[in-house]
C-alpha atoms as a PDB file:
ATOM      1  CA  MET A   1      20.678 -47.703 -39.987  1.00  0.00           C
ATOM      2  CA  LYS A   2      17.391 -46.793 -38.336  1.00  0.00           C
ATOM      3  CA  GLU A   3      19.194 -46.160 -35.063  1.00  0.00           C
ATOM      4  CA  GLN A   4      21.619 -43.778 -36.799  1.00  0.00           C
ATOM      5  CA  ILE A   5      18.765 -41.859 -38.454  1.00  0.00           C
ATOM      6  CA  PHE A   6      16.856 -41.393 -35.201  1.00  0.00           C
ATOM      7  CA  GLN A   7      19.986 -40.190 -33.450  1.00  0.00           C
ATOM      8  CA  GLN A   8      20.430 -37.454 -36.066  1.00  0.00           C
ATOM      9  CA  VAL A   9      16.911 -36.060 -35.557  1.00  0.00           C
ATOM     10  CA  PRO A  10      16.871 -33.409 -32.794  1.00  0.00           C
ATOM     11  CA  PRO A  11      14.461 -33.858 -29.882  1.00  0.00           C
ATOM     12  CA  GLY A  12      10.998 -32.719 -30.880  1.00  0.00           C
ATOM     13  CA  GLY A  13      11.557 -33.446 -34.532  1.00  0.00           C
ATOM     14  CA  PRO A  14      13.093 -31.389 -37.337  1.00  0.00           C
ATOM     15  CA  TRP A  15      10.225 -28.871 -37.356  1.00  0.00           C
ATOM     16  CA  PRO A  16      10.073 -25.686 -35.251  1.00  0.00           C
ATOM     17  CA  ASP A  17       8.113 -25.833 -32.026  1.00  0.00           C
ATOM     18  CA  LEU A  18       5.346 -23.492 -33.155  1.00  0.00           C
ATOM     19  CA  LYS A  19       3.714 -23.381 -29.725  1.00  0.00           C
ATOM     20  CA  ARG A  20       6.992 -22.463 -28.056  1.00  0.00           C
ATOM     21  CA  ASP A  21       8.000 -19.874 -30.701  1.00  0.00           C
ATOM     22  CA  ARG A  22       4.595 -18.182 -30.872  1.00  0.00           C
ATOM     23  CA  PRO A  23       4.483 -14.813 -29.021  1.00  0.00           C
ATOM     24  CA  PRO A  24       2.418 -14.943 -25.809  1.00  0.00           C
ATOM     25  CA  PRO A  25      -1.115 -13.499 -25.911  1.00  0.00           C
ATOM     26  CA  GLY A  26      -1.049  -9.713 -25.776  1.00  0.00           C
ATOM     27  CA  ALA A  27       2.666  -9.442 -26.594  1.00  0.00           C
ATOM     28  CA  GLU A  28       1.933  -6.653 -29.074  1.00  0.00           C
ATOM     29  CA  PHE A  29       0.849  -4.429 -26.177  1.00  0.00           C
ATOM     30  CA  GLU A  30       4.215  -4.545 -24.413  1.00  0.00           C
ATOM     31  CA  LEU A  31       6.376  -1.553 -25.190  1.00  0.00           C
ATOM     32  CA  ILE A  32      10.115  -2.222 -25.212  1.00  0.00           C
ATOM     33  CA  PRO A  33      11.833   1.143 -25.682  1.00  0.00           C
ATOM     34  CA  PRO A  34      14.481   1.178 -28.415  1.00  0.00           C
ATOM     35  CA  ASN A  35      16.558   3.457 -26.197  1.00  0.00           C
ATOM     36  CA  TYR A  36      16.160   3.608 -22.433  1.00  0.00           C
ATOM     37  CA  PHE A  37      18.135   6.855 -22.273  1.00  0.00           C
ATOM     38  CA  ALA A  38      15.985   8.924 -24.640  1.00  0.00           C
ATOM     39  CA  PRO A  39      12.350  10.097 -24.571  1.00  0.00           C
ATOM     40  CA  LEU A  40       9.814   7.859 -26.271  1.00  0.00           C
ATOM     41  CA  ASP A  41       8.445   8.808 -29.668  1.00  0.00           C
ATOM     42  CA  LEU A  42       4.803   8.486 -28.615  1.00  0.00           C
ATOM     43  CA  ALA A  43       3.420   9.203 -32.084  1.00  0.00           C
ATOM     44  CA  GLN A  44       5.398   6.221 -33.347  1.00  0.00           C
ATOM     45  CA  VAL A  45       4.420   4.049 -30.370  1.00  0.00           C
ATOM     46  CA  PHE A  46       0.686   4.596 -30.853  1.00  0.00           C
ATOM     47  CA  GLY A  47       0.645   5.425 -34.554  1.00  0.00           C
ATOM     48  CA  ARG A  48      -1.074   8.755 -33.963  1.00  0.00           C
ATOM     49  CA  THR A  49      -1.077  11.905 -31.849  1.00  0.00           C
ATOM     50  CA  ALA A  50      -3.694  11.865 -29.082  1.00  0.00           C
ATOM     51  CA  PRO A  51      -4.035  12.905 -25.421  1.00  0.00           C
ATOM     52  CA  LEU A  52      -2.028  10.533 -23.238  1.00  0.00           C
ATOM     53  CA  GLU A  53      -2.849   9.162 -19.794  1.00  0.00           C
ATOM     54  CA  VAL A  54      -0.123   7.422 -17.785  1.00  0.00           C
ATOM     55  CA  ASP A  55      -0.647   4.981 -14.912  1.00  0.00           C
ATOM     56  CA  LEU A  56       2.451   4.788 -12.705  1.00  0.00           C
ATOM     57  CA  GLY A  57       2.628   1.431 -10.959  1.00  0.00           C
ATOM     58  CA  CYS A  58      -0.202   0.004 -13.037  1.00  0.00           C
ATOM     59  CA  GLY A  59      -0.485  -3.314 -11.179  1.00  0.00           C
ATOM     60  CA  ASP A  60      -2.410  -5.913 -13.145  1.00  0.00           C
ATOM     61  CA  GLY A  61      -3.332  -3.340 -15.811  1.00  0.00           C
ATOM     62  CA  ALA A  62      -7.095  -3.593 -15.323  1.00  0.00           C
ATOM     63  CA  PHE A  63      -7.467   0.118 -14.563  1.00  0.00           C
ATOM     64  CA  ILE A  64      -5.659   1.365 -17.644  1.00  0.00           C
ATOM     65  CA  ALA A  65      -7.156  -1.284 -19.954  1.00  0.00           C
ATOM     66  CA  GLN A  66     -10.690  -0.376 -18.891  1.00  0.00           C
ATOM     67  CA  LEU A  67      -9.988   3.324 -19.360  1.00  0.00           C
ATOM     68  CA  ALA A  68      -8.597   2.638 -22.831  1.00  0.00           C
ATOM     69  CA  ALA A  69     -11.768   0.759 -23.764  1.00  0.00           C
ATOM     70  CA  ARG A  70     -13.900   3.624 -22.439  1.00  0.00           C
ATOM     71  CA  PHE A  71     -11.986   6.385 -24.223  1.00  0.00           C
ATOM     72  CA  PRO A  72     -10.750   5.178 -27.638  1.00  0.00           C
ATOM     73  CA  GLU A  73      -9.857   8.757 -28.610  1.00  0.00           C
ATOM     74  CA  ARG A  74      -7.097   8.775 -25.969  1.00  0.00           C
ATOM     75  CA  ASP A  75      -3.879   6.810 -25.578  1.00  0.00           C
ATOM     76  CA  PHE A  76      -2.877   5.026 -22.359  1.00  0.00           C
ATOM     77  CA  LEU A  77       0.466   3.889 -21.010  1.00  0.00           C
ATOM     78  CA  GLY A  78       0.781   1.558 -18.013  1.00  0.00           C
ATOM     79  CA  ILE A  79       4.133   1.446 -16.221  1.00  0.00           C
ATOM     80  CA  ASP A  80       5.221  -1.168 -13.696  1.00  0.00           C
ATOM     81  CA  LYS A  81       8.544  -2.646 -12.622  1.00  0.00           C
ATOM     82  CA  LEU A  82       7.216  -6.225 -12.355  1.00  0.00           C
ATOM     83  CA  GLY A  83       7.124  -8.290 -15.527  1.00  0.00           C
ATOM     84  CA  GLY A  84       4.209 -10.448 -14.364  1.00  0.00           C
ATOM     85  CA  ARG A  85       2.011  -7.404 -13.887  1.00  0.00           C
ATOM     86  CA  VAL A  86       2.933  -6.031 -17.302  1.00  0.00           C
ATOM     87  CA  LEU A  87       2.094  -9.397 -18.863  1.00  0.00           C
ATOM     88  CA  ARG A  88      -1.322  -9.455 -17.178  1.00  0.00           C
ATOM     89  CA  GLY A  89      -2.024  -5.935 -18.394  1.00  0.00           C
ATOM     90  CA  CYS A  90      -1.133  -6.917 -21.948  1.00  0.00           C
ATOM     91  CA  ARG A  91      -3.459  -9.910 -21.782  1.00  0.00           C
ATOM     92  CA  LYS A  92      -6.316  -7.760 -20.491  1.00  0.00           C
ATOM     93  CA  ALA A  93      -5.842  -5.318 -23.354  1.00  0.00           C
ATOM     94  CA  ALA A  94      -5.864  -8.194 -25.840  1.00  0.00           C
ATOM     95  CA  ARG A  95      -9.080  -9.607 -24.392  1.00  0.00           C
ATOM     96  CA  LEU A  96     -10.776  -6.202 -24.616  1.00  0.00           C
ATOM     97  CA  GLY A  97      -9.730  -5.827 -28.242  1.00  0.00           C
ATOM     98  CA  ILE A  98      -8.345  -2.314 -27.740  1.00  0.00           C
ATOM     99  CA  ARG A  99      -5.478  -0.721 -29.638  1.00  0.00           C
ATOM    100  CA  ASN A 100      -4.796   2.431 -27.629  1.00  0.00           C
ATOM    101  CA  ALA A 101      -2.896   0.987 -24.650  1.00  0.00           C
ATOM    102  CA  ARG A 102       0.706  -0.049 -24.090  1.00  0.00           C
ATOM    103  CA  PHE A 103       2.553  -1.399 -21.066  1.00  0.00           C
ATOM    104  CA  VAL A 104       6.223  -0.976 -20.243  1.00  0.00           C
ATOM    105  CA  ARG A 105       8.298  -2.730 -17.593  1.00  0.00           C
ATOM    106  CA  ILE A 106      10.374  -0.141 -15.769  1.00  0.00           C
ATOM    107  CA  GLU A 107      10.555   1.832 -12.520  1.00  0.00           C
ATOM    108  CA  SER A 108       7.981   4.630 -12.453  1.00  0.00           C
ATOM    109  CA  SER A 109      10.461   7.227 -11.195  1.00  0.00           C
ATOM    110  CA  TYR A 110      12.874   6.388 -14.025  1.00  0.00           C
ATOM    111  CA  ALA A 111      10.098   6.564 -16.607  1.00  0.00           C
ATOM    112  CA  VAL A 112       8.944  10.054 -15.641  1.00  0.00           C
ATOM    113  CA  GLN A 113      12.537  11.262 -15.468  1.00  0.00           C
ATOM    114  CA  HIS A 114      13.887   9.774 -18.696  1.00  0.00           C
ATOM    115  CA  LEU A 115      11.306   8.095 -20.946  1.00  0.00           C
ATOM    116  CA  LEU A 116       8.274  10.381 -21.005  1.00  0.00           C
ATOM    117  CA  PRO A 117       8.698  13.527 -23.111  1.00  0.00           C
ATOM    118  CA  ALA A 118       8.132  16.932 -21.562  1.00  0.00           C
ATOM    119  CA  GLY A 119       4.516  18.076 -21.810  1.00  0.00           C
ATOM    120  CA  SER A 120       3.345  14.718 -23.166  1.00  0.00           C
ATOM    121  CA  ALA A 121       0.747  13.586 -20.589  1.00  0.00           C
ATOM    122  CA  ALA A 122      -2.741  14.973 -20.156  1.00  0.00           C
ATOM    123  CA  VAL A 123      -3.211  12.913 -16.973  1.00  0.00           C
ATOM    124  CA  VAL A 124      -0.819  11.040 -14.689  1.00  0.00           C
ATOM    125  CA  HIS A 125      -2.340   8.505 -12.266  1.00  0.00           C
ATOM    126  CA  LEU A 126      -0.494   7.389  -9.143  1.00  0.00           C
ATOM    127  CA  LEU A 127      -2.803   4.952  -7.391  1.00  0.00           C
ATOM    128  CA  PHE A 128      -1.885   3.243  -4.128  1.00  0.00           C
ATOM    129  CA  PRO A 129       1.912   3.489  -4.337  1.00  0.00           C
ATOM    130  CA  ASP A 130       3.892   1.368  -1.896  1.00  0.00           C
ATOM    131  CA  PRO A 131       3.835   3.391   1.365  1.00  0.00           C
ATOM    132  CA  TRP A 132       7.046   1.933   2.826  1.00  0.00           C
ATOM    133  CA  PRO A 133       5.739   2.667   6.352  1.00  0.00           C
ATOM    134  CA  LYS A 134       8.930   1.896   8.284  1.00  0.00           C
ATOM    135  CA  ARG A 135      11.043   4.956   9.057  1.00  0.00           C
ATOM    136  CA  LYS A 136      14.218   3.404   7.621  1.00  0.00           C
ATOM    137  CA  HIS A 137      12.421   2.668   4.323  1.00  0.00           C
ATOM    138  CA  LYS A 138      10.804   6.064   3.717  1.00  0.00           C
ATOM    139  CA  ARG A 139      13.524   7.051   1.278  1.00  0.00           C
ATOM    140  CA  ARG A 140      12.197   4.308  -1.013  1.00  0.00           C
ATOM    141  CA  ARG A 141       8.838   6.015  -1.454  1.00  0.00           C
ATOM    142  CA  VAL A 142       8.222   7.105  -5.020  1.00  0.00           C
ATOM    143  CA  VAL A 143       6.800  10.507  -4.034  1.00  0.00           C
ATOM    144  CA  GLN A 144       9.856  12.631  -3.410  1.00  0.00           C
ATOM    145  CA  PRO A 145      10.583  16.252  -4.428  1.00  0.00           C
ATOM    146  CA  ALA A 146      12.541  15.179  -7.528  1.00  0.00           C
ATOM    147  CA  PHE A 147       9.732  12.823  -8.562  1.00  0.00           C
ATOM    148  CA  LEU A 148       7.142  15.616  -8.305  1.00  0.00           C
ATOM    149  CA  GLU A 149       9.344  17.861 -10.423  1.00  0.00           C
ATOM    150  CA  SER A 150       9.531  15.121 -13.062  1.00  0.00           C
ATOM    151  CA  VAL A 151       5.744  14.663 -13.058  1.00  0.00           C
ATOM    152  CA  HIS A 152       5.327  18.417 -13.462  1.00  0.00           C
ATOM    153  CA  ARG A 153       7.696  18.341 -16.447  1.00  0.00           C
ATOM    154  CA  VAL A 154       5.858  15.438 -18.080  1.00  0.00           C
ATOM    155  CA  LEU A 155       2.393  16.966 -17.745  1.00  0.00           C
ATOM    156  CA  ALA A 156       0.962  19.063 -20.550  1.00  0.00           C
ATOM    157  CA  PRO A 157      -0.230  22.592 -19.685  1.00  0.00           C
ATOM    158  CA  GLU A 158      -3.193  22.286 -17.317  1.00  0.00           C
ATOM    159  CA  GLY A 159      -2.464  18.558 -17.052  1.00  0.00           C
ATOM    160  CA  ARG A 160      -3.838  16.613 -14.091  1.00  0.00           C
ATOM    161  CA  PHE A 161      -2.042  14.528 -11.487  1.00  0.00           C
ATOM    162  CA  ARG A 162      -4.292  12.064  -9.614  1.00  0.00           C
ATOM    163  CA  ILE A 163      -3.104  10.398  -6.396  1.00  0.00           C
ATOM    164  CA  ALA A 164      -4.859   7.831  -4.200  1.00  0.00           C
ATOM    165  CA  THR A 165      -3.662   5.954  -1.114  1.00  0.00           C
ATOM    166  CA  ASP A 166      -5.074   4.169   1.915  1.00  0.00           C
ATOM    167  CA  GLN A 167      -2.230   5.433   4.127  1.00  0.00           C
ATOM    168  CA  GLU A 168      -3.170   8.596   6.018  1.00  0.00           C
ATOM    169  CA  LYS A 169       0.384   9.465   7.098  1.00  0.00           C
ATOM    170  CA  TYR A 170       1.765   8.957   3.599  1.00  0.00           C
ATOM    171  CA  PHE A 171      -1.047  11.110   2.221  1.00  0.00           C
ATOM    172  CA  ALA A 172      -0.184  13.879   4.684  1.00  0.00           C
ATOM    173  CA  THR A 173       3.475  13.668   3.661  1.00  0.00           C
ATOM    174  CA  ILE A 174       2.548  13.913  -0.021  1.00  0.00           C
ATOM    175  CA  ARG A 175       0.462  17.032   0.609  1.00  0.00           C
ATOM    176  CA  GLU A 176       3.373  18.638   2.445  1.00  0.00           C
ATOM    177  CA  LEU A 177       5.632  18.013  -0.554  1.00  0.00           C
ATOM    178  CA  ILE A 178       3.278  19.646  -3.073  1.00  0.00           C
ATOM    179  CA  ARG A 179       4.652  23.043  -4.059  1.00  0.00           C
ATOM    180  CA  PRO A 180       1.937  25.639  -4.779  1.00  0.00           C
ATOM    181  CA  GLU A 181       3.952  27.171  -7.598  1.00  0.00           C
ATOM    182  CA  MET A 182       3.875  23.793  -9.396  1.00  0.00           C
ATOM    183  CA  PHE A 183       0.423  22.342  -8.651  1.00  0.00           C
ATOM    184  CA  ALA A 184      -3.011  23.613  -7.664  1.00  0.00           C
ATOM    185  CA  GLU A 185      -5.518  21.368  -5.947  1.00  0.00           C
ATOM    186  CA  LEU A 186      -8.633  20.552  -7.960  1.00  0.00           C
ATOM    187  CA  THR A 187     -12.155  19.419  -7.226  1.00  0.00           C
ATOM    188  CA  PRO A 188     -12.937  16.454  -9.523  1.00  0.00           C
ATOM    189  CA  PRO A 189     -15.478  17.316 -12.237  1.00  0.00           C
ATOM    190  CA  PRO A 190     -19.067  16.318 -11.346  1.00  0.00           C
ATOM    191  CA  GLY A 191     -20.007  12.876 -12.589  1.00  0.00           C
ATOM    192  CA  GLU A 192     -16.452  11.849 -13.402  1.00  0.00           C
ATOM    193  CA  SER A 193     -15.718   8.239 -12.513  1.00  0.00           C
ATOM    194  CA  PHE A 194     -12.798   5.880 -12.901  1.00  0.00           C
ATOM    195  CA  PRO A 195     -12.456   2.088 -12.829  1.00  0.00           C
ATOM    196  CA  VAL A 196     -11.754   0.661  -9.378  1.00  0.00           C
ATOM    197  CA  THR A 197      -8.313  -0.883  -9.062  1.00  0.00           C
ATOM    198  CA  ALA A 198      -7.691  -4.274  -7.460  1.00  0.00           C
ATOM    199  CA  PHE A 199      -5.883  -2.539  -4.593  1.00  0.00           C
ATOM    200  CA  GLU A 200      -8.807  -0.213  -3.955  1.00  0.00           C
ATOM    201  CA  LYS A 201     -11.271  -3.105  -3.929  1.00  0.00           C
ATOM    202  CA  HIS A 202      -9.109  -4.858  -1.350  1.00  0.00           C
ATOM    203  CA  PHE A 203      -8.768  -1.813   0.890  1.00  0.00           C
ATOM    204  CA  VAL A 204     -12.458  -0.922   0.696  1.00  0.00           C
ATOM    205  CA  ALA A 205     -13.389  -4.511   1.570  1.00  0.00           C
ATOM    206  CA  GLU A 206     -11.236  -4.179   4.680  1.00  0.00           C
ATOM    207  CA  GLY A 207     -12.960  -0.923   5.601  1.00  0.00           C
ATOM    208  CA  ALA A 208      -9.888   1.238   5.022  1.00  0.00           C
ATOM    209  CA  PRO A 209     -10.513   4.905   4.133  1.00  0.00           C
ATOM    210  CA  ILE A 210      -9.252   6.099   0.753  1.00  0.00           C
ATOM    211  CA  TYR A 211      -7.417   9.423   0.553  1.00  0.00           C
ATOM    212  CA  ARG A 212      -7.422  11.196  -2.810  1.00  0.00           C
ATOM    213  CA  LEU A 213      -5.693  14.219  -4.224  1.00  0.00           C
ATOM    214  CA  GLU A 214      -6.235  15.757  -7.630  1.00  0.00           C
ATOM    215  CA  LEU A 215      -3.826  18.386  -8.862  1.00  0.00           C
ATOM    216  CA  ARG A 216      -3.535  20.662 -11.881  1.00  0.00           C
ATOM    217  CA  LYS A 217      -0.198  21.654 -13.347  1.00  0.00           C
ATOM    218  CA  ILE A 218       0.660  25.299 -13.024  1.00  0.00           C
ATOM    219  CA  SER A 219       2.936  26.275 -15.891  1.00  0.00           C
END
């Protein structure tokens, strides 16, 4: 009889595995769009209407999480195609105790084309995108004419587009693609500072120069 009883009990016992079923730390910060073919309802996502900053290719999320902690009156959206990076960003946001940041797993070019509403972003950050240095891979670079048109559409009037890279040739190519009727080059405001990304720390430690470009949307 005892043998029959034990055989009827599922492995782990009849109770739910609470540790397994519990959402991972920071899960509330991951944004899973209800429709990947329609613009996000940002007021619903963040529960308010506030200036939005977007980090395309957000890496481990440290940059956007620190900005969110520094500016609670703004909302922040980190975008990356790698799930592990999104998870780390969510955990950083949870540790900082912020509520004004979300992370979404998706390609940056797709997000600016389909998910971000027109005129929704006060600032778009593109920091150290993959340079794809080989000639045969250049078509994979995120900065292409269509991508720049999508960023222009997403930016609010007078919105800013910040770019940083350690690749001089890629930087030169980006500058050549900037259309003067869409963007005007800006001088960063005095005293303005941003958190240093993990990529930037690595490149600076290796002595690599950092090339920066700050643009303003021309309506």
